[in-house]
PDB file of N, CA and C in Angstrom:
ATOM      1  N   MET A   1      47.237  27.043  32.184  1.00  0.00           N
ATOM      2  CA  MET A   1      46.535  26.008  31.466  1.00  0.00           C
ATOM      3  C   MET A   1      45.697  26.658  30.354  1.00  0.00           C
ATOM      4  N   GLN A   2      45.745  26.090  29.181  1.00  0.00           N
ATOM      5  CA  GLN A   2      45.019  26.623  28.040  1.00  0.00           C
ATOM      6  C   GLN A   2      43.748  25.809  27.815  1.00  0.00           C
ATOM      7  N   GLU A   3      42.632  26.534  27.587  1.00  0.00           N
ATOM      8  CA  GLU A   3      41.365  25.849  27.334  1.00  0.00           C
ATOM      9  C   GLU A   3      41.308  25.388  25.889  1.00  0.00           C
ATOM     10  N   ASN A   4      40.711  24.261  25.683  1.00  0.00           N
ATOM     11  CA  ASN A   4      40.529  23.740  24.341  1.00  0.00           C
ATOM     12  C   ASN A   4      39.178  24.224  23.834  1.00  0.00           C
ATOM     13  N   ASN A   5      39.167  25.156  22.877  1.00  0.00           N
ATOM     14  CA  ASN A   5      37.928  25.734  22.366  1.00  0.00           C
ATOM     15  C   ASN A   5      37.409  25.029  21.117  1.00  0.00           C
ATOM     16  N   THR A   6      38.048  23.938  20.724  1.00  0.00           N
ATOM     17  CA  THR A   6      37.540  23.232  19.560  1.00  0.00           C
ATOM     18  C   THR A   6      36.269  22.492  19.949  1.00  0.00           C
ATOM     19  N   PRO A   7      35.244  22.605  19.101  1.00  0.00           N
ATOM     20  CA  PRO A   7      33.980  21.945  19.436  1.00  0.00           C
ATOM     21  C   PRO A   7      34.110  20.432  19.392  1.00  0.00           C
ATOM     22  N   ARG A   8      33.453  19.793  20.315  1.00  0.00           N
ATOM     23  CA  ARG A   8      33.457  18.332  20.372  1.00  0.00           C
ATOM     24  C   ARG A   8      32.368  17.819  19.446  1.00  0.00           C
ATOM     25  N   LYS A   9      32.704  16.862  18.599  1.00  0.00           N
ATOM     26  CA  LYS A   9      31.723  16.298  17.672  1.00  0.00           C
ATOM     27  C   LYS A   9      30.742  15.429  18.444  1.00  0.00           C
ATOM     28  N   LYS A  10      29.472  15.545  18.078  1.00  0.00           N
ATOM     29  CA  LYS A  10      28.426  14.799  18.765  1.00  0.00           C
ATOM     30  C   LYS A  10      28.193  13.460  18.088  1.00  0.00           C
ATOM     31  N   SER A  11      27.649  12.533  18.838  1.00  0.00           N
ATOM     32  CA  SER A  11      27.382  11.184  18.337  1.00  0.00           C
ATOM     33  C   SER A  11      26.173  11.190  17.397  1.00  0.00           C
ATOM     34  N   PHE A  12      25.977  10.072  16.727  1.00  0.00           N
ATOM     35  CA  PHE A  12      24.828   9.943  15.832  1.00  0.00           C
ATOM     36  C   PHE A  12      23.527  10.005  16.623  1.00  0.00           C
ATOM     37  N   LEU A  13      23.516   9.444  17.822  1.00  0.00           N
ATOM     38  CA  LEU A  13      22.320   9.484  18.667  1.00  0.00           C
ATOM     39  C   LEU A  13      21.974  10.925  19.052  1.00  0.00           C
ATOM     40  N   ALA A  14      22.975  11.715  19.382  1.00  0.00           N
ATOM     41  CA  ALA A  14      22.747  13.127  19.701  1.00  0.00           C
ATOM     42  C   ALA A  14      22.222  13.867  18.472  1.00  0.00           C
ATOM     43  N   THR A  15      22.721  13.481  17.299  1.00  0.00           N
ATOM     44  CA  THR A  15      22.241  14.089  16.061  1.00  0.00           C
ATOM     45  C   THR A  15      20.789  13.730  15.805  1.00  0.00           C
ATOM     46  N   LEU A  16      20.420  12.479  16.069  1.00  0.00           N
ATOM     47  CA  LEU A  16      19.017  12.071  15.922  1.00  0.00           C
ATOM     48  C   LEU A  16      18.115  12.906  16.825  1.00  0.00           C
ATOM     49  N   GLY A  17      18.559  13.127  18.039  1.00  0.00           N
ATOM     50  CA  GLY A  17      17.777  13.950  18.964  1.00  0.00           C
ATOM     51  C   GLY A  17      17.631  15.378  18.473  1.00  0.00           C
ATOM     52  N   ALA A  18      18.706  15.949  17.976  1.00  0.00           N
ATOM     53  CA  ALA A  18      18.661  17.315  17.474  1.00  0.00           C
ATOM     54  C   ALA A  18      17.725  17.436  16.274  1.00  0.00           C
ATOM     55  N   VAL A  19      17.793  16.452  15.379  1.00  0.00           N
ATOM     56  CA  VAL A  19      16.924  16.481  14.198  1.00  0.00           C
ATOM     57  C   VAL A  19      15.465  16.277  14.610  1.00  0.00           C
ATOM     58  N   PHE A  20      15.222  15.387  15.567  1.00  0.00           N
ATOM     59  CA  PHE A  20      13.854  15.168  16.052  1.00  0.00           C
ATOM     60  C   PHE A  20      13.252  16.460  16.593  1.00  0.00           C
ATOM     61  N   TRP A  21      13.992  17.144  17.463  1.00  0.00           N
ATOM     62  CA  TRP A  21      13.479  18.383  18.033  1.00  0.00           C
ATOM     63  C   TRP A  21      13.317  19.457  16.968  1.00  0.00           C
ATOM     64  N   SER A  22      14.156  19.427  15.956  1.00  0.00           N
ATOM     65  CA  SER A  22      14.031  20.385  14.859  1.00  0.00           C
ATOM     66  C   SER A  22      12.792  20.093  14.014  1.00  0.00           C
ATOM     67  N   PHE A  23      12.460  18.816  13.850  1.00  0.00           N
ATOM     68  CA  PHE A  23      11.257  18.450  13.096  1.00  0.00           C
ATOM     69  C   PHE A  23      10.011  19.055  13.728  1.00  0.00           C
ATOM     70  N   ILE A  24       9.946  19.036  15.049  1.00  0.00           N
ATOM     71  CA  ILE A  24       8.749  19.570  15.696  1.00  0.00           C
ATOM     72  C   ILE A  24       8.901  21.034  16.098  1.00  0.00           C
ATOM     73  N   GLY A  25      10.046  21.605  15.824  1.00  0.00           N
ATOM     74  CA  GLY A  25      10.228  23.043  16.009  1.00  0.00           C
ATOM     75  C   GLY A  25      10.559  23.486  17.416  1.00  0.00           C
ATOM     76  N   LEU A  26      10.998  22.588  18.268  1.00  0.00           N
ATOM     77  CA  LEU A  26      11.349  22.948  19.639  1.00  0.00           C
ATOM     78  C   LEU A  26      12.852  22.800  19.833  1.00  0.00           C
ATOM     79  N   ARG A  27      13.551  23.915  19.852  1.00  0.00           N
ATOM     80  CA  ARG A  27      15.002  23.886  20.023  1.00  0.00           C
ATOM     81  C   ARG A  27      15.431  25.160  20.715  1.00  0.00           C
ATOM     82  N   ARG A  28      16.130  25.027  21.821  1.00  0.00           N
ATOM     83  CA  ARG A  28      16.655  26.208  22.507  1.00  0.00           C
ATOM     84  C   ARG A  28      17.789  26.806  21.697  1.00  0.00           C
ATOM     85  N   ARG A  29      17.950  28.110  21.806  1.00  0.00           N
ATOM     86  CA  ARG A  29      18.998  28.794  21.050  1.00  0.00           C
ATOM     87  C   ARG A  29      20.383  28.255  21.421  1.00  0.00           C
ATOM     88  N   SER A  30      20.613  28.010  22.686  1.00  0.00           N
ATOM     89  CA  SER A  30      21.925  27.502  23.112  1.00  0.00           C
ATOM     90  C   SER A  30      22.184  26.113  22.523  1.00  0.00           C
ATOM     91  N   ASP A  31      21.141  25.269  22.470  1.00  0.00           N
ATOM     92  CA  ASP A  31      21.293  23.947  21.863  1.00  0.00           C
ATOM     93  C   ASP A  31      21.564  24.066  20.368  1.00  0.00           C
ATOM     94  N   TYR A  32      20.857  24.999  19.727  1.00  0.00           N
ATOM     95  CA  TYR A  32      21.067  25.215  18.294  1.00  0.00           C
ATOM     96  C   TYR A  32      22.503  25.639  18.020  1.00  0.00           C
ATOM     97  N   GLU A  33      23.006  26.551  18.820  1.00  0.00           N
ATOM     98  CA  GLU A  33      24.372  27.037  18.613  1.00  0.00           C
ATOM     99  C   GLU A  33      25.402  25.934  18.837  1.00  0.00           C
ATOM    100  N   SER A  34      25.169  25.067  19.806  1.00  0.00           N
ATOM    101  CA  SER A  34      26.106  23.965  20.005  1.00  0.00           C
ATOM    102  C   SER A  34      25.980  22.939  18.877  1.00  0.00           C
ATOM    103  N   ASP A  35      24.777  22.796  18.314  1.00  0.00           N
ATOM    104  CA  ASP A  35      24.584  21.891  17.184  1.00  0.00           C
ATOM    105  C   ASP A  35      25.335  22.368  15.949  1.00  0.00           C
ATOM    106  N   VAL A  36      25.318  23.658  15.724  1.00  0.00           N
ATOM    107  CA  VAL A  36      25.970  24.211  14.537  1.00  0.00           C
ATOM    108  C   VAL A  36      27.448  23.866  14.518  1.00  0.00           C
ATOM    109  N   THR A  37      28.070  23.871  15.664  1.00  0.00           N
ATOM    110  CA  THR A  37      29.505  23.600  15.719  1.00  0.00           C
ATOM    111  C   THR A  37      29.830  22.140  16.020  1.00  0.00           C
ATOM    112  N   GLY A  38      28.868  21.367  16.527  1.00  0.00           N
ATOM    113  CA  GLY A  38      29.195  20.026  16.987  1.00  0.00           C
ATOM    114  C   GLY A  38      28.659  18.870  16.177  1.00  0.00           C
ATOM    115  N   LEU A  39      27.716  19.131  15.269  1.00  0.00           N
ATOM    116  CA  LEU A  39      27.123  18.025  14.515  1.00  0.00           C
ATOM    117  C   LEU A  39      27.881  17.784  13.215  1.00  0.00           C
ATOM    118  N   LYS A  40      28.037  16.517  12.886  1.00  0.00           N
ATOM    119  CA  LYS A  40      28.669  16.160  11.614  1.00  0.00           C
ATOM    120  C   LYS A  40      27.608  16.252  10.517  1.00  0.00           C
ATOM    121  N   PRO A  41      27.904  16.917   9.414  1.00  0.00           N
ATOM    122  CA  PRO A  41      26.900  17.080   8.352  1.00  0.00           C
ATOM    123  C   PRO A  41      26.335  15.762   7.819  1.00  0.00           C
ATOM    124  N   ILE A  42      27.163  14.745   7.689  1.00  0.00           N
ATOM    125  CA  ILE A  42      26.664  13.459   7.176  1.00  0.00           C
ATOM    126  C   ILE A  42      25.674  12.845   8.156  1.00  0.00           C
ATOM    127  N   TYR A  43      25.908  13.011   9.449  1.00  0.00           N
ATOM    128  CA  TYR A  43      24.970  12.520  10.457  1.00  0.00           C
ATOM    129  C   TYR A  43      23.638  13.257  10.346  1.00  0.00           C
ATOM    130  N   VAL A  44      23.695  14.559  10.088  1.00  0.00           N
ATOM    131  CA  VAL A  44      22.466  15.348   9.964  1.00  0.00           C
ATOM    132  C   VAL A  44      21.649  14.873   8.768  1.00  0.00           C
ATOM    133  N   VAL A  45      22.309  14.629   7.648  1.00  0.00           N
ATOM    134  CA  VAL A  45      21.612  14.161   6.447  1.00  0.00           C
ATOM    135  C   VAL A  45      20.983  12.788   6.702  1.00  0.00           C
ATOM    136  N   LEU A  46      21.750  11.876   7.287  1.00  0.00           N
ATOM    137  CA  LEU A  46      21.214  10.540   7.577  1.00  0.00           C
ATOM    138  C   LEU A  46      20.054  10.598   8.572  1.00  0.00           C
ATOM    139  N   ALA A  47      20.197  11.399   9.607  1.00  0.00           N
ATOM    140  CA  ALA A  47      19.130  11.517  10.608  1.00  0.00           C
ATOM    141  C   ALA A  47      17.878  12.143   9.994  1.00  0.00           C
ATOM    142  N   ALA A  48      18.055  13.121   9.118  1.00  0.00           N
ATOM    143  CA  ALA A  48      16.901  13.744   8.460  1.00  0.00           C
ATOM    144  C   ALA A  48      16.193  12.751   7.545  1.00  0.00           C
ATOM    145  N   LEU A  49      16.954  11.936   6.833  1.00  0.00           N
ATOM    146  CA  LEU A  49      16.342  10.920   5.975  1.00  0.00           C
ATOM    147  C   LEU A  49      15.572   9.893   6.807  1.00  0.00           C
ATOM    148  N   ILE A  50      16.162   9.446   7.895  1.00  0.00           N
ATOM    149  CA  ILE A  50      15.482   8.501   8.785  1.00  0.00           C
ATOM    150  C   ILE A  50      14.209   9.134   9.344  1.00  0.00           C
ATOM    151  N   GLY A  51      14.314  10.384   9.786  1.00  0.00           N
ATOM    152  CA  GLY A  51      13.145  11.081  10.322  1.00  0.00           C
ATOM    153  C   GLY A  51      12.049  11.249   9.289  1.00  0.00           C
ATOM    154  N   ALA A  52      12.410  11.588   8.063  1.00  0.00           N
ATOM    155  CA  ALA A  52      11.411  11.765   7.006  1.00  0.00           C
ATOM    156  C   ALA A  52      10.736  10.440   6.667  1.00  0.00           C
ATOM    157  N   ILE A  53      11.525   9.367   6.596  1.00  0.00           N
ATOM    158  CA  ILE A  53      10.953   8.044   6.313  1.00  0.00           C
ATOM    159  C   ILE A  53       9.992   7.625   7.421  1.00  0.00           C
ATOM    160  N   LEU A  54      10.379   7.832   8.665  1.00  0.00           N
ATOM    161  CA  LEU A  54       9.490   7.500   9.782  1.00  0.00           C
ATOM    162  C   LEU A  54       8.223   8.351   9.764  1.00  0.00           C
ATOM    163  N   PHE A  55       8.362   9.630   9.474  1.00  0.00           N
ATOM    164  CA  PHE A  55       7.217  10.534   9.416  1.00  0.00           C
ATOM    165  C   PHE A  55       6.234  10.093   8.332  1.00  0.00           C
ATOM    166  N   ILE A  56       6.746   9.776   7.148  1.00  0.00           N
ATOM    167  CA  ILE A  56       5.892   9.321   6.057  1.00  0.00           C
ATOM    168  C   ILE A  56       5.241   7.983   6.410  1.00  0.00           C
ATOM    169  N   GLY A  57       6.001   7.093   7.035  1.00  0.00           N
ATOM    170  CA  GLY A  57       5.441   5.807   7.453  1.00  0.00           C
ATOM    171  C   GLY A  57       4.304   5.963   8.446  1.00  0.00           C
ATOM    172  N   VAL A  58       4.475   6.855   9.408  1.00  0.00           N
ATOM    173  CA  VAL A  58       3.414   7.101  10.397  1.00  0.00           C
ATOM    174  C   VAL A  58       2.185   7.692   9.714  1.00  0.00           C
ATOM    175  N   LEU A  59       2.391   8.629   8.808  1.00  0.00           N
ATOM    176  CA  LEU A  59       1.250   9.215   8.092  1.00  0.00           C
ATOM    177  C   LEU A  59       0.508   8.159   7.269  1.00  0.00           C
ATOM    178  N   LEU A  60       1.252   7.321   6.572  1.00  0.00           N
ATOM    179  CA  LEU A  60       0.610   6.264   5.787  1.00  0.00           C
ATOM    180  C   LEU A  60      -0.154   5.291   6.677  1.00  0.00           C
ATOM    181  N   ALA A  61       0.398   4.960   7.829  1.00  0.00           N
ATOM    182  CA  ALA A  61      -0.290   4.061   8.761  1.00  0.00           C
ATOM    183  C   ALA A  61      -1.574   4.705   9.288  1.00  0.00           C
ATOM    184  N   LEU A  62      -1.510   5.992   9.619  1.00  0.00           N
ATOM    185  CA  LEU A  62      -2.710   6.689  10.096  1.00  0.00           C
ATOM    186  C   LEU A  62      -3.785   6.759   9.024  1.00  0.00           C
ATOM    187  N   VAL A  63      -3.398   7.057   7.787  1.00  0.00           N
ATOM    188  CA  VAL A  63      -4.368   7.110   6.699  1.00  0.00           C
ATOM    189  C   VAL A  63      -4.968   5.718   6.463  1.00  0.00           C
ATOM    190  N   SER A  64      -4.143   4.707   6.472  1.00  0.00           N
ATOM    191  CA  SER A  64      -4.634   3.344   6.272  1.00  0.00           C
ATOM    192  C   SER A  64      -5.628   2.969   7.377  1.00  0.00           C
ATOM    193  N   PHE A  65      -5.293   3.316   8.591  1.00  0.00           N
ATOM    194  CA  PHE A  65      -6.170   3.033   9.731  1.00  0.00           C
ATOM    195  C   PHE A  65      -7.493   3.791   9.590  1.00  0.00           C
ATOM    196  N   ALA A  66      -7.423   5.065   9.198  1.00  0.00           N
ATOM    197  CA  ALA A  66      -8.626   5.885   9.058  1.00  0.00           C
ATOM    198  C   ALA A  66      -9.519   5.358   7.935  1.00  0.00           C
ATOM    199  N   VAL A  67      -8.925   4.904   6.851  1.00  0.00           N
ATOM    200  CA  VAL A  67      -9.714   4.381   5.724  1.00  0.00           C
ATOM    201  C   VAL A  67     -10.391   3.072   6.122  1.00  0.00           C
ATOM    202  N   LYS A  68      -9.702   2.215   6.864  1.00  0.00           N
ATOM    203  CA  LYS A  68     -10.291   0.939   7.304  1.00  0.00           C
ATOM    204  C   LYS A  68     -11.433   1.175   8.284  1.00  0.00           C
ATOM    205  N   MET A  69     -11.327   2.200   9.098  1.00  0.00           N
ATOM    206  CA  MET A  69     -12.372   2.501  10.089  1.00  0.00           C
ATOM    207  C   MET A  69     -13.625   3.076   9.423  1.00  0.00           C
ATOM    208  N   HIS A  70     -13.499   3.645   8.275  1.00  0.00           N
ATOM    209  CA  HIS A  70     -14.618   4.284   7.597  1.00  0.00           C
ATOM    210  C   HIS A  70     -15.411   3.248   6.916  1.00  0.00           C
TER     211      HIS A  70
END
């Protein structure tokens, strides 16, 4: 029996998780290596854009809240 060594492509949800953990800097080396071979580049770009938009939105909400409290 021959093993199939082709990497399995990960779902968009798995890509979101990988990008989330990358945003905060917590990623195991083994997970990183599987991401390199398993993530679709378009999913990574979309997930990064979503993550950046959410990050900016949270920052704006925090600043707005802090200004109203002052």
